[in-house]
Amino acid sequence: MILHGLPPVIDARARVLILGSFPSTASLAAQQYYAHPQNQFWRIVGAVIGQPLKDMDYAARLAAAQAAGIAIWDVFASCARAGSLDSAIRDAVPNPLAELKKSAPALRRICFNGRTAAKRIREVEAMGFVAVVLPSTSPAHAGMSFGEKLACWRGGLAS
């Protein structure tokens, strides 16, 4: 079965785009980015921008992130996948990243949330963006502590 991702969360204020690989099963069911309760995305980004994103409802999270110049999307528009692991992604269709220059003229930096997303780093760099690979916020990536991940994300989101 082919799964379809979520639309980009981006506007003209975006300075930094965070690209994940593809939404988890929980995120697709909720139609919300990073909906799995164990994913550290909202906690980490909230700490970086000084907002309690994890405690906000989804619409408020998105508004706060966008007000801070952060956009959110995924590298893949659709794929076949059983479960939520990136290693299970098959037949992936990429999102049209080149279109971002039109919708977000201030966008300069693209941060990849994990190594699977970063497979498109050369393409992003060829478009003239600064590209940064950050440790995955997924609960499947347990090799780093929250503090270690946060330190990497603070540096990556600084623009």
C-alpha atoms as a PDB file:
ATOM      1  CA  MET A   1       0.000   0.000   0.000  1.00  0.00           C
ATOM      2  CA  ILE A   2       1.289   3.444  -0.926  1.00  0.00           C
ATOM      3  CA  LEU A   3       1.274   5.988   1.903  1.00  0.00           C
ATOM      4  CA  HIS A   4       1.097   9.742   1.298  1.00  0.00           C
ATOM      5  CA  GLY A   5       2.893  12.276   3.496  1.00  0.00           C
ATOM      6  CA  LEU A   6       1.790  15.565   4.988  1.00  0.00           C
ATOM      7  CA  PRO A   7       1.800  18.983   3.327  1.00  0.00           C
ATOM      8  CA  PRO A   8       4.669  21.342   4.108  1.00  0.00           C
ATOM      9  CA  VAL A   9       4.395  23.760   7.024  1.00  0.00           C
ATOM     10  CA  ILE A  10       6.091  26.751   5.436  1.00  0.00           C
ATOM     11  CA  ASP A  11       5.531  30.423   4.810  1.00  0.00           C
ATOM     12  CA  ALA A  12       7.508  33.439   3.650  1.00  0.00           C
ATOM     13  CA  ARG A  13       9.073  33.904   7.119  1.00  0.00           C
ATOM     14  CA  ALA A  14      10.900  30.559   6.959  1.00  0.00           C
ATOM     15  CA  ARG A  15      14.672  30.835   7.424  1.00  0.00           C
ATOM     16  CA  VAL A  16      15.253  27.185   8.334  1.00  0.00           C
ATOM     17  CA  LEU A  17      13.518  24.080   7.009  1.00  0.00           C
ATOM     18  CA  ILE A  18      13.573  20.873   9.022  1.00  0.00           C
ATOM     19  CA  LEU A  19      13.237  17.878   6.724  1.00  0.00           C
ATOM     20  CA  GLY A  20      12.311  14.508   8.129  1.00  0.00           C
ATOM     21  CA  SER A  21      12.174  11.347   6.062  1.00  0.00           C
ATOM     22  CA  PHE A  22       8.477  10.389   6.090  1.00  0.00           C
ATOM     23  CA  PRO A  23       5.755  10.644   8.775  1.00  0.00           C
ATOM     24  CA  SER A  24       5.407   7.783  11.248  1.00  0.00           C
ATOM     25  CA  THR A  25       2.279   5.686  11.431  1.00  0.00           C
ATOM     26  CA  ALA A  26       1.178   7.784  14.445  1.00  0.00           C
ATOM     27  CA  SER A  27       1.788  11.031  12.539  1.00  0.00           C
ATOM     28  CA  LEU A  28      -0.153   9.841   9.504  1.00  0.00           C
ATOM     29  CA  ALA A  29      -3.061   8.710  11.702  1.00  0.00           C
ATOM     30  CA  ALA A  30      -3.134  12.076  13.506  1.00  0.00           C
ATOM     31  CA  GLN A  31      -2.285  14.062  10.353  1.00  0.00           C
ATOM     32  CA  GLN A  32       0.321  15.882  12.447  1.00  0.00           C
ATOM     33  CA  TYR A  33       4.087  16.068  12.177  1.00  0.00           C
ATOM     34  CA  TYR A  34       5.952  14.220  14.931  1.00  0.00           C
ATOM     35  CA  ALA A  35       2.801  12.919  16.631  1.00  0.00           C
ATOM     36  CA  HIS A  36       4.402   9.869  18.271  1.00  0.00           C
ATOM     37  CA  PRO A  37       4.494  10.712  22.001  1.00  0.00           C
ATOM     38  CA  GLN A  38       8.067   9.418  22.362  1.00  0.00           C
ATOM     39  CA  ASN A  39       9.433  11.512  19.494  1.00  0.00           C
ATOM     40  CA  GLN A  40      11.546  14.326  20.956  1.00  0.00           C
ATOM     41  CA  PHE A  41      11.016  16.749  18.061  1.00  0.00           C
ATOM     42  CA  TRP A  42       8.616  19.193  19.739  1.00  0.00           C
ATOM     43  CA  ARG A  43      10.526  19.111  23.017  1.00  0.00           C
ATOM     44  CA  ILE A  44      13.852  19.816  21.277  1.00  0.00           C
ATOM     45  CA  VAL A  45      12.610  22.524  18.900  1.00  0.00           C
ATOM     46  CA  GLY A  46      10.685  24.112  21.780  1.00  0.00           C
ATOM     47  CA  ALA A  47      13.839  24.249  23.895  1.00  0.00           C
ATOM     48  CA  VAL A  48      15.764  25.835  21.014  1.00  0.00           C
ATOM     49  CA  ILE A  49      13.165  28.574  20.390  1.00  0.00           C
ATOM     50  CA  GLY A  50      12.192  29.047  24.051  1.00  0.00           C
ATOM     51  CA  GLN A  51       8.584  27.880  23.667  1.00  0.00           C
ATOM     52  CA  PRO A  52       6.823  24.968  25.451  1.00  0.00           C
ATOM     53  CA  LEU A  53       5.819  23.377  22.136  1.00  0.00           C
ATOM     54  CA  LYS A  54       5.207  19.915  23.632  1.00  0.00           C
ATOM     55  CA  ASP A  55       2.551  21.419  25.930  1.00  0.00           C
ATOM     56  CA  MET A  56       0.730  23.300  23.146  1.00  0.00           C
ATOM     57  CA  ASP A  57      -1.978  22.031  20.850  1.00  0.00           C
ATOM     58  CA  TYR A  58      -0.829  21.210  17.333  1.00  0.00           C
ATOM     59  CA  ALA A  59      -2.008  24.448  15.679  1.00  0.00           C
ATOM     60  CA  ALA A  60      -0.210  26.520  18.330  1.00  0.00           C
ATOM     61  CA  ARG A  61       2.963  24.434  17.886  1.00  0.00           C
ATOM     62  CA  LEU A  62       2.976  25.100  14.174  1.00  0.00           C
ATOM     63  CA  ALA A  63       2.281  28.817  14.639  1.00  0.00           C
ATOM     64  CA  ALA A  64       5.113  29.174  17.179  1.00  0.00           C
ATOM     65  CA  ALA A  65       7.560  27.305  14.966  1.00  0.00           C
ATOM     66  CA  GLN A  66       6.631  29.423  11.958  1.00  0.00           C
ATOM     67  CA  ALA A  67       6.896  32.641  13.991  1.00  0.00           C
ATOM     68  CA  ALA A  68      10.450  31.531  14.855  1.00  0.00           C
ATOM     69  CA  GLY A  69      11.249  31.148  11.143  1.00  0.00           C
ATOM     70  CA  ILE A  70      11.077  27.349  11.121  1.00  0.00           C
ATOM     71  CA  ALA A  71       9.406  25.305   8.392  1.00  0.00           C
ATOM     72  CA  ILE A  72       8.691  21.549   8.506  1.00  0.00           C
ATOM     73  CA  TRP A  73       8.405  18.977   5.736  1.00  0.00           C
ATOM     74  CA  ASP A  74       9.713  15.577   4.664  1.00  0.00           C
ATOM     75  CA  VAL A  75      12.031  14.461   1.882  1.00  0.00           C
ATOM     76  CA  PHE A  76       9.526  11.883   0.624  1.00  0.00           C
ATOM     77  CA  ALA A  77       6.016  12.647  -0.634  1.00  0.00           C
ATOM     78  CA  SER A  78       4.918   9.016  -0.685  1.00  0.00           C
ATOM     79  CA  CYS A  79       6.271   5.533  -0.173  1.00  0.00           C
ATOM     80  CA  ALA A  80       5.425   1.964   0.657  1.00  0.00           C
ATOM     81  CA  ARG A  81       6.279   1.074   4.256  1.00  0.00           C
ATOM     82  CA  ALA A  82       5.218  -1.459   6.866  1.00  0.00           C
ATOM     83  CA  GLY A  83       5.447   0.147  10.307  1.00  0.00           C
ATOM     84  CA  SER A  84       7.332   3.370  10.958  1.00  0.00           C
ATOM     85  CA  LEU A  85      11.024   2.553  10.556  1.00  0.00           C
ATOM     86  CA  ASP A  86      12.946   4.453   7.891  1.00  0.00           C
ATOM     87  CA  SER A  87      14.697   1.224   6.954  1.00  0.00           C
ATOM     88  CA  ALA A  88      11.305  -0.132   5.815  1.00  0.00           C
ATOM     89  CA  ILE A  89      10.695   2.680   3.281  1.00  0.00           C
ATOM     90  CA  ARG A  90      10.308   1.347  -0.266  1.00  0.00           C
ATOM     91  CA  ASP A  91       9.373   2.932  -3.594  1.00  0.00           C
ATOM     92  CA  ALA A  92       9.796   6.460  -2.204  1.00  0.00           C
ATOM     93  CA  VAL A  93       8.744   9.428  -4.307  1.00  0.00           C
ATOM     94  CA  PRO A  94      10.620  12.627  -3.386  1.00  0.00           C
ATOM     95  CA  ASN A  95       8.940  15.889  -2.478  1.00  0.00           C
ATOM     96  CA  PRO A  96       9.678  18.749  -4.920  1.00  0.00           C
ATOM     97  CA  LEU A  97      12.236  20.589  -2.779  1.00  0.00           C
ATOM     98  CA  ALA A  98      13.162  22.990  -5.593  1.00  0.00           C
ATOM     99  CA  GLU A  99       9.744  24.658  -5.230  1.00  0.00           C
ATOM    100  CA  LEU A 100      10.743  25.953  -1.798  1.00  0.00           C
ATOM    101  CA  LYS A 101      12.605  28.951  -3.178  1.00  0.00           C
ATOM    102  CA  LYS A 102       9.313  30.377  -4.439  1.00  0.00           C
ATOM    103  CA  SER A 103       7.264  29.886  -1.268  1.00  0.00           C
ATOM    104  CA  ALA A 104      10.069  30.758   1.163  1.00  0.00           C
ATOM    105  CA  PRO A 105      12.416  33.379  -0.292  1.00  0.00           C
ATOM    106  CA  ALA A 106      14.242  33.867   3.052  1.00  0.00           C
ATOM    107  CA  LEU A 107      15.024  30.152   3.386  1.00  0.00           C
ATOM    108  CA  ARG A 108      18.783  29.633   3.667  1.00  0.00           C
ATOM    109  CA  ARG A 109      19.339  26.502   5.782  1.00  0.00           C
ATOM    110  CA  ILE A 110      17.913  23.009   5.590  1.00  0.00           C
ATOM    111  CA  CYS A 111      18.320  20.723   8.580  1.00  0.00           C
ATOM    112  CA  PHE A 112      17.823  17.006   8.074  1.00  0.00           C
ATOM    113  CA  ASN A 113      16.202  15.152  10.965  1.00  0.00           C
ATOM    114  CA  GLY A 114      18.302  11.998  10.744  1.00  0.00           C
ATOM    115  CA  ARG A 115      20.411  10.151   8.209  1.00  0.00           C
ATOM    116  CA  THR A 116      17.613   8.822   5.989  1.00  0.00           C
ATOM    117  CA  ALA A 117      16.368  12.341   5.296  1.00  0.00           C
ATOM    118  CA  ALA A 118      19.965  13.425   4.644  1.00  0.00           C
ATOM    119  CA  LYS A 119      20.200  11.157   1.603  1.00  0.00           C
ATOM    120  CA  ARG A 120      19.080  14.239  -0.366  1.00  0.00           C
ATOM    121  CA  ILE A 121      21.836  16.479   1.039  1.00  0.00           C
ATOM    122  CA  ARG A 122      23.726  16.846  -2.259  1.00  0.00           C
ATOM    123  CA  GLU A 123      20.556  17.945  -4.047  1.00  0.00           C
ATOM    124  CA  VAL A 124      19.838  20.538  -1.346  1.00  0.00           C
ATOM    125  CA  GLU A 125      23.393  21.860  -1.426  1.00  0.00           C
ATOM    126  CA  ALA A 126      23.234  22.097  -5.234  1.00  0.00           C
ATOM    127  CA  MET A 127      20.195  24.377  -4.813  1.00  0.00           C
ATOM    128  CA  GLY A 128      22.360  26.761  -2.793  1.00  0.00           C
ATOM    129  CA  PHE A 129      21.102  25.950   0.695  1.00  0.00           C
ATOM    130  CA  VAL A 130      23.294  25.387   3.737  1.00  0.00           C
ATOM    131  CA  ALA A 131      22.597  21.771   4.698  1.00  0.00           C
ATOM    132  CA  VAL A 132      23.004  20.326   8.198  1.00  0.00           C
ATOM    133  CA  VAL A 133      22.447  16.722   9.301  1.00  0.00           C
ATOM    134  CA  LEU A 134      21.039  16.502  12.838  1.00  0.00           C
ATOM    135  CA  PRO A 135      20.500  13.445  15.022  1.00  0.00           C
ATOM    136  CA  SER A 136      17.069  11.919  14.593  1.00  0.00           C
ATOM    137  CA  THR A 137      14.454  12.871  17.184  1.00  0.00           C
ATOM    138  CA  SER A 138      12.778   9.493  16.646  1.00  0.00           C
ATOM    139  CA  PRO A 139      12.412   7.110  19.587  1.00  0.00           C
ATOM    140  CA  ALA A 140      14.171   4.544  17.376  1.00  0.00           C
ATOM    141  CA  HIS A 141      17.354   6.648  17.639  1.00  0.00           C
ATOM    142  CA  ALA A 142      18.228   6.056  21.275  1.00  0.00           C
ATOM    143  CA  GLY A 143      22.014   6.213  20.927  1.00  0.00           C
ATOM    144  CA  MET A 144      22.223   9.813  22.168  1.00  0.00           C
ATOM    145  CA  SER A 145      20.852  11.452  25.280  1.00  0.00           C
ATOM    146  CA  PHE A 146      18.279  14.230  25.070  1.00  0.00           C
ATOM    147  CA  GLY A 147      20.957  16.738  26.102  1.00  0.00           C
ATOM    148  CA  GLU A 148      23.338  15.596  23.371  1.00  0.00           C
ATOM    149  CA  LYS A 149      20.619  15.815  20.731  1.00  0.00           C
ATOM    150  CA  LEU A 150      19.541  19.240  22.004  1.00  0.00           C
ATOM    151  CA  ALA A 151      23.097  20.579  21.757  1.00  0.00           C
ATOM    152  CA  CYS A 152      23.323  19.423  18.122  1.00  0.00           C
ATOM    153  CA  TRP A 153      19.929  20.900  17.292  1.00  0.00           C
ATOM    154  CA  ARG A 154      20.763  24.251  18.927  1.00  0.00           C
ATOM    155  CA  GLY A 155      23.794  24.544  16.672  1.00  0.00           C
ATOM    156  CA  GLY A 156      21.958  23.325  13.590  1.00  0.00           C
ATOM    157  CA  LEU A 157      18.974  25.643  13.875  1.00  0.00           C
ATOM    158  CA  ALA A 158      21.115  28.719  14.504  1.00  0.00           C
ATOM    159  CA  SER A 159      21.178  30.710  11.304  1.00  0.00           C
END
